[in-house]
Amino acid sequence: MSKDDAPDFASFPVRRRGSYLEKFETGQEYDHHWGRTLDIGDSTLFSTTLAYFLPLYLNEEFAQHEGHPSRPINPFLVLCTVVGVSVEDLSESAGPFLGIEECEFPTPVYAGDTIRAHSTVLDTRLSASRPGRGIVTWRTTGYNQRDEVVVTYVRKNLLATLEEL
């Protein structure tokens, strides 16, 4: 291809990827992708990698003694999974993660449960300390395949405004 035949890259449209403040409105809802099935190997690897040696997640007899039918999945793996399935819709390529609040695990997750997530925008606002940035707050709920709530939390991210992208 000669220089004269080269495409004019400056004329190509820019496709915005990721999240920005104006993408979100209070009350907006997201059903995140199809979810993920968790198994006991996921939980064991997660727990031992993080040195989270609570016997409830590693010892079948202990879990049954505590009233569980089998070892439950480590709830922090459930949380990480739900955050992970929500990222594409909410915070992919966005700014800093500002934290999680009001996190609850009302129903245990067991091997073979498939976890999916739903989020609602609670608030959007411009940042008082970071010009050209804003804070988005979501409530995210994780469900198992029986539509039982397995985790719920409030999460915040700092996002650029559209004009700052």
C-alpha atoms as a PDB file:
ATOM      1  CA  MET A   1       0.000   0.000   0.000  1.00  0.00           C
ATOM      2  CA  SER A   2       1.427   3.343  -0.968  1.00  0.00           C
ATOM      3  CA  LYS A   3       1.241   6.434   1.179  1.00  0.00           C
ATOM      4  CA  ASP A   4      -1.394   7.844  -1.192  1.00  0.00           C
ATOM      5  CA  ASP A   5      -3.623   4.773  -0.685  1.00  0.00           C
ATOM      6  CA  ALA A   6      -3.489   4.914   3.114  1.00  0.00           C
ATOM      7  CA  PRO A   7      -6.779   5.604   4.886  1.00  0.00           C
ATOM      8  CA  ASP A   8      -7.328   8.974   6.522  1.00  0.00           C
ATOM      9  CA  PHE A   9      -7.269   7.862  10.168  1.00  0.00           C
ATOM     10  CA  ALA A  10      -8.209  11.356  11.353  1.00  0.00           C
ATOM     11  CA  SER A  11     -11.604  10.899   9.691  1.00  0.00           C
ATOM     12  CA  PHE A  12     -12.395   7.688  11.586  1.00  0.00           C
ATOM     13  CA  PRO A  13     -15.112   8.156  14.226  1.00  0.00           C
ATOM     14  CA  VAL A  14     -14.019   7.856  17.839  1.00  0.00           C
ATOM     15  CA  ARG A  15     -15.939   5.127  19.624  1.00  0.00           C
ATOM     16  CA  ARG A  16     -16.147   5.903  23.310  1.00  0.00           C
ATOM     17  CA  ARG A  17     -15.662   2.859  25.513  1.00  0.00           C
ATOM     18  CA  GLY A  18     -16.155   2.645  29.203  1.00  0.00           C
ATOM     19  CA  SER A  19     -18.045   4.773  31.650  1.00  0.00           C
ATOM     20  CA  TYR A  20     -18.389   8.482  32.234  1.00  0.00           C
ATOM     21  CA  LEU A  21     -20.551  10.521  34.593  1.00  0.00           C
ATOM     22  CA  GLU A  22     -23.255  11.542  32.114  1.00  0.00           C
ATOM     23  CA  LYS A  23     -23.893   7.904  31.157  1.00  0.00           C
ATOM     24  CA  PHE A  24     -25.744   7.430  34.446  1.00  0.00           C
ATOM     25  CA  GLU A  25     -29.009   8.814  35.812  1.00  0.00           C
ATOM     26  CA  THR A  26     -30.501   8.260  39.247  1.00  0.00           C
ATOM     27  CA  GLY A  27     -32.907   5.322  39.121  1.00  0.00           C
ATOM     28  CA  GLN A  28     -31.325   3.748  36.040  1.00  0.00           C
ATOM     29  CA  GLU A  29     -31.155  -0.059  36.297  1.00  0.00           C
ATOM     30  CA  TYR A  30     -28.789  -2.649  34.879  1.00  0.00           C
ATOM     31  CA  ASP A  31     -29.201  -6.399  34.595  1.00  0.00           C
ATOM     32  CA  HIS A  32     -25.616  -7.560  34.232  1.00  0.00           C
ATOM     33  CA  HIS A  33     -24.474 -10.383  31.994  1.00  0.00           C
ATOM     34  CA  TRP A  34     -25.393 -14.029  32.443  1.00  0.00           C
ATOM     35  CA  GLY A  35     -23.454 -14.554  35.665  1.00  0.00           C
ATOM     36  CA  ARG A  36     -21.057 -17.207  36.858  1.00  0.00           C
ATOM     37  CA  THR A  37     -21.429 -20.646  38.390  1.00  0.00           C
ATOM     38  CA  LEU A  38     -19.194 -21.080  41.421  1.00  0.00           C
ATOM     39  CA  ASP A  39     -17.795 -24.427  42.538  1.00  0.00           C
ATOM     40  CA  ILE A  40     -15.994 -25.648  45.609  1.00  0.00           C
ATOM     41  CA  GLY A  41     -12.619 -25.521  43.826  1.00  0.00           C
ATOM     42  CA  ASP A  42     -13.121 -21.786  43.197  1.00  0.00           C
ATOM     43  CA  SER A  43     -13.823 -21.230  46.877  1.00  0.00           C
ATOM     44  CA  THR A  44     -10.938 -23.386  48.118  1.00  0.00           C
ATOM     45  CA  LEU A  45      -8.441 -21.705  45.799  1.00  0.00           C
ATOM     46  CA  PHE A  46      -9.746 -18.229  46.698  1.00  0.00           C
ATOM     47  CA  SER A  47      -9.654 -18.946  50.442  1.00  0.00           C
ATOM     48  CA  THR A  48      -6.194 -20.511  50.502  1.00  0.00           C
ATOM     49  CA  THR A  49      -4.658 -17.936  48.139  1.00  0.00           C
ATOM     50  CA  LEU A  50      -5.812 -15.177  50.480  1.00  0.00           C
ATOM     51  CA  ALA A  51      -4.793 -17.169  53.586  1.00  0.00           C
ATOM     52  CA  TYR A  52      -8.444 -17.101  54.669  1.00  0.00           C
ATOM     53  CA  PHE A  53      -8.283 -20.333  56.638  1.00  0.00           C
ATOM     54  CA  LEU A  54     -11.701 -20.274  58.294  1.00  0.00           C
ATOM     55  CA  PRO A  55     -12.669 -23.970  58.545  1.00  0.00           C
ATOM     56  CA  LEU A  56     -16.245 -23.232  57.415  1.00  0.00           C
ATOM     57  CA  TYR A  57     -14.921 -22.812  53.849  1.00  0.00           C
ATOM     58  CA  LEU A  58     -12.275 -25.561  53.952  1.00  0.00           C
ATOM     59  CA  ASN A  59     -13.577 -28.407  56.130  1.00  0.00           C
ATOM     60  CA  GLU A  60     -16.712 -30.323  55.088  1.00  0.00           C
ATOM     61  CA  GLU A  61     -17.304 -31.908  58.512  1.00  0.00           C
ATOM     62  CA  PHE A  62     -16.959 -28.556  60.285  1.00  0.00           C
ATOM     63  CA  ALA A  63     -19.430 -26.901  57.873  1.00  0.00           C
ATOM     64  CA  GLN A  64     -21.969 -29.693  58.427  1.00  0.00           C
ATOM     65  CA  HIS A  65     -21.455 -29.482  62.194  1.00  0.00           C
ATOM     66  CA  GLU A  66     -22.322 -25.757  61.906  1.00  0.00           C
ATOM     67  CA  GLY A  67     -25.614 -26.610  60.159  1.00  0.00           C
ATOM     68  CA  HIS A  68     -24.658 -26.284  56.494  1.00  0.00           C
ATOM     69  CA  PRO A  69     -25.457 -29.077  54.025  1.00  0.00           C
ATOM     70  CA  SER A  70     -21.898 -28.707  52.645  1.00  0.00           C
ATOM     71  CA  ARG A  71     -19.104 -26.147  52.666  1.00  0.00           C
ATOM     72  CA  PRO A  72     -20.478 -22.753  51.663  1.00  0.00           C
ATOM     73  CA  ILE A  73     -18.654 -20.681  49.079  1.00  0.00           C
ATOM     74  CA  ASN A  74     -16.470 -18.008  50.687  1.00  0.00           C
ATOM     75  CA  PRO A  75     -18.734 -14.900  50.716  1.00  0.00           C
ATOM     76  CA  PHE A  76     -15.860 -12.636  49.701  1.00  0.00           C
ATOM     77  CA  LEU A  77     -15.533 -14.686  46.503  1.00  0.00           C
ATOM     78  CA  VAL A  78     -19.267 -14.102  45.983  1.00  0.00           C
ATOM     79  CA  LEU A  79     -18.711 -10.357  46.467  1.00  0.00           C
ATOM     80  CA  CYS A  80     -15.750 -10.309  44.062  1.00  0.00           C
ATOM     81  CA  THR A  81     -17.758 -12.260  41.493  1.00  0.00           C
ATOM     82  CA  VAL A  82     -20.715  -9.865  41.659  1.00  0.00           C
ATOM     83  CA  VAL A  83     -18.467  -6.810  41.434  1.00  0.00           C
ATOM     84  CA  GLY A  84     -16.741  -8.475  38.485  1.00  0.00           C
ATOM     85  CA  VAL A  85     -19.912  -9.153  36.499  1.00  0.00           C
ATOM     86  CA  SER A  86     -21.039  -5.539  37.041  1.00  0.00           C
ATOM     87  CA  VAL A  87     -17.824  -3.847  35.891  1.00  0.00           C
ATOM     88  CA  GLU A  88     -18.536  -3.934  32.150  1.00  0.00           C
ATOM     89  CA  ASP A  89     -21.785  -2.001  32.584  1.00  0.00           C
ATOM     90  CA  LEU A  90     -20.772   0.322  35.407  1.00  0.00           C
ATOM     91  CA  SER A  91     -17.106   1.100  35.741  1.00  0.00           C
ATOM     92  CA  GLU A  92     -15.034  -0.396  32.925  1.00  0.00           C
ATOM     93  CA  SER A  93     -12.237   2.019  31.962  1.00  0.00           C
ATOM     94  CA  ALA A  94     -13.526   4.388  34.605  1.00  0.00           C
ATOM     95  CA  GLY A  95     -11.761   6.219  37.380  1.00  0.00           C
ATOM     96  CA  PRO A  96     -10.834   5.085  40.862  1.00  0.00           C
ATOM     97  CA  PHE A  97     -12.973   2.711  42.856  1.00  0.00           C
ATOM     98  CA  LEU A  98     -14.033   4.589  46.006  1.00  0.00           C
ATOM     99  CA  GLY A  99     -15.289   1.711  48.095  1.00  0.00           C
ATOM    100  CA  ILE A 100     -18.137  -0.527  49.177  1.00  0.00           C
ATOM    101  CA  GLU A 101     -20.588   0.188  51.980  1.00  0.00           C
ATOM    102  CA  GLU A 102     -23.598  -1.574  53.493  1.00  0.00           C
ATOM    103  CA  CYS A 103     -22.421  -5.011  52.362  1.00  0.00           C
ATOM    104  CA  GLU A 104     -24.627  -7.919  53.474  1.00  0.00           C
ATOM    105  CA  PHE A 105     -24.672 -11.640  52.714  1.00  0.00           C
ATOM    106  CA  PRO A 106     -28.237 -12.783  53.542  1.00  0.00           C
ATOM    107  CA  THR A 107     -28.121 -16.252  51.941  1.00  0.00           C
ATOM    108  CA  PRO A 108     -25.173 -18.677  51.740  1.00  0.00           C
ATOM    109  CA  VAL A 109     -23.908 -19.750  48.327  1.00  0.00           C
ATOM    110  CA  TYR A 110     -23.043 -23.408  47.708  1.00  0.00           C
ATOM    111  CA  ALA A 111     -21.127 -25.215  44.977  1.00  0.00           C
ATOM    112  CA  GLY A 112     -23.120 -25.202  41.752  1.00  0.00           C
ATOM    113  CA  ASP A 113     -24.967 -21.945  42.452  1.00  0.00           C
ATOM    114  CA  THR A 114     -24.971 -19.521  39.538  1.00  0.00           C
ATOM    115  CA  ILE A 115     -24.601 -15.898  40.605  1.00  0.00           C
ATOM    116  CA  ARG A 116     -25.945 -12.971  38.590  1.00  0.00           C
ATOM    117  CA  ALA A 117     -26.255  -9.292  39.438  1.00  0.00           C
ATOM    118  CA  HIS A 118     -28.550  -6.281  39.141  1.00  0.00           C
ATOM    119  CA  SER A 119     -27.589  -2.665  39.861  1.00  0.00           C
ATOM    120  CA  THR A 120     -29.496   0.573  40.348  1.00  0.00           C
ATOM    121  CA  VAL A 121     -27.956   4.042  40.157  1.00  0.00           C
ATOM    122  CA  LEU A 122     -28.580   5.724  43.513  1.00  0.00           C
ATOM    123  CA  ASP A 123     -26.841   9.037  42.886  1.00  0.00           C
ATOM    124  CA  THR A 124     -24.636  10.985  40.502  1.00  0.00           C
ATOM    125  CA  ARG A 125     -22.888  14.212  41.403  1.00  0.00           C
ATOM    126  CA  LEU A 126     -19.956  16.345  40.416  1.00  0.00           C
ATOM    127  CA  SER A 127     -16.910  15.984  42.628  1.00  0.00           C
ATOM    128  CA  ALA A 128     -16.269  18.954  44.899  1.00  0.00           C
ATOM    129  CA  SER A 129     -12.514  18.294  44.975  1.00  0.00           C
ATOM    130  CA  ARG A 130     -11.812  16.945  41.473  1.00  0.00           C
ATOM    131  CA  PRO A 131     -12.819  19.273  38.600  1.00  0.00           C
ATOM    132  CA  GLY A 132     -14.053  17.402  35.536  1.00  0.00           C
ATOM    133  CA  ARG A 133     -14.937  14.358  37.628  1.00  0.00           C
ATOM    134  CA  GLY A 134     -18.040  13.036  39.301  1.00  0.00           C
ATOM    135  CA  ILE A 135     -19.086  10.328  41.722  1.00  0.00           C
ATOM    136  CA  VAL A 136     -21.612   7.646  40.841  1.00  0.00           C
ATOM    137  CA  THR A 137     -23.201   5.514  43.558  1.00  0.00           C
ATOM    138  CA  TRP A 138     -24.857   2.167  42.751  1.00  0.00           C
ATOM    139  CA  ARG A 139     -26.700  -0.428  44.799  1.00  0.00           C
ATOM    140  CA  THR A 140     -25.873  -3.865  43.465  1.00  0.00           C
ATOM    141  CA  THR A 141     -27.642  -7.082  44.391  1.00  0.00           C
ATOM    142  CA  GLY A 142     -26.380 -10.575  43.628  1.00  0.00           C
ATOM    143  CA  TYR A 143     -28.854 -13.427  43.172  1.00  0.00           C
ATOM    144  CA  ASN A 144     -28.541 -17.175  42.860  1.00  0.00           C
ATOM    145  CA  GLN A 145     -30.430 -19.260  40.296  1.00  0.00           C
ATOM    146  CA  ARG A 146     -33.434 -19.431  42.679  1.00  0.00           C
ATOM    147  CA  ASP A 147     -33.620 -15.596  42.768  1.00  0.00           C
ATOM    148  CA  GLU A 148     -32.495 -15.553  46.396  1.00  0.00           C
ATOM    149  CA  VAL A 149     -30.428 -12.516  47.368  1.00  0.00           C
ATOM    150  CA  VAL A 150     -26.900 -13.672  48.199  1.00  0.00           C
ATOM    151  CA  VAL A 151     -25.159 -10.284  48.478  1.00  0.00           C
ATOM    152  CA  THR A 152     -26.111  -6.629  48.411  1.00  0.00           C
ATOM    153  CA  TYR A 153     -23.918  -3.565  48.683  1.00  0.00           C
ATOM    154  CA  VAL A 154     -23.495   0.095  47.765  1.00  0.00           C
ATOM    155  CA  ARG A 155     -20.485   0.963  45.601  1.00  0.00           C
ATOM    156  CA  LYS A 156     -18.976   4.266  44.449  1.00  0.00           C
ATOM    157  CA  ASN A 157     -16.612   5.208  41.628  1.00  0.00           C
ATOM    158  CA  LEU A 158     -15.016   8.453  40.555  1.00  0.00           C
ATOM    159  CA  LEU A 159     -15.718   8.975  36.841  1.00  0.00           C
ATOM    160  CA  ALA A 160     -14.615  11.560  34.304  1.00  0.00           C
ATOM    161  CA  THR A 161     -17.229  13.828  32.783  1.00  0.00           C
ATOM    162  CA  LEU A 162     -17.844  13.467  29.059  1.00  0.00           C
ATOM    163  CA  GLU A 163     -16.046  16.723  28.309  1.00  0.00           C
ATOM    164  CA  GLU A 164     -12.934  15.469  30.156  1.00  0.00           C
ATOM    165  CA  LEU A 165     -12.668  12.276  28.107  1.00  0.00           C
END
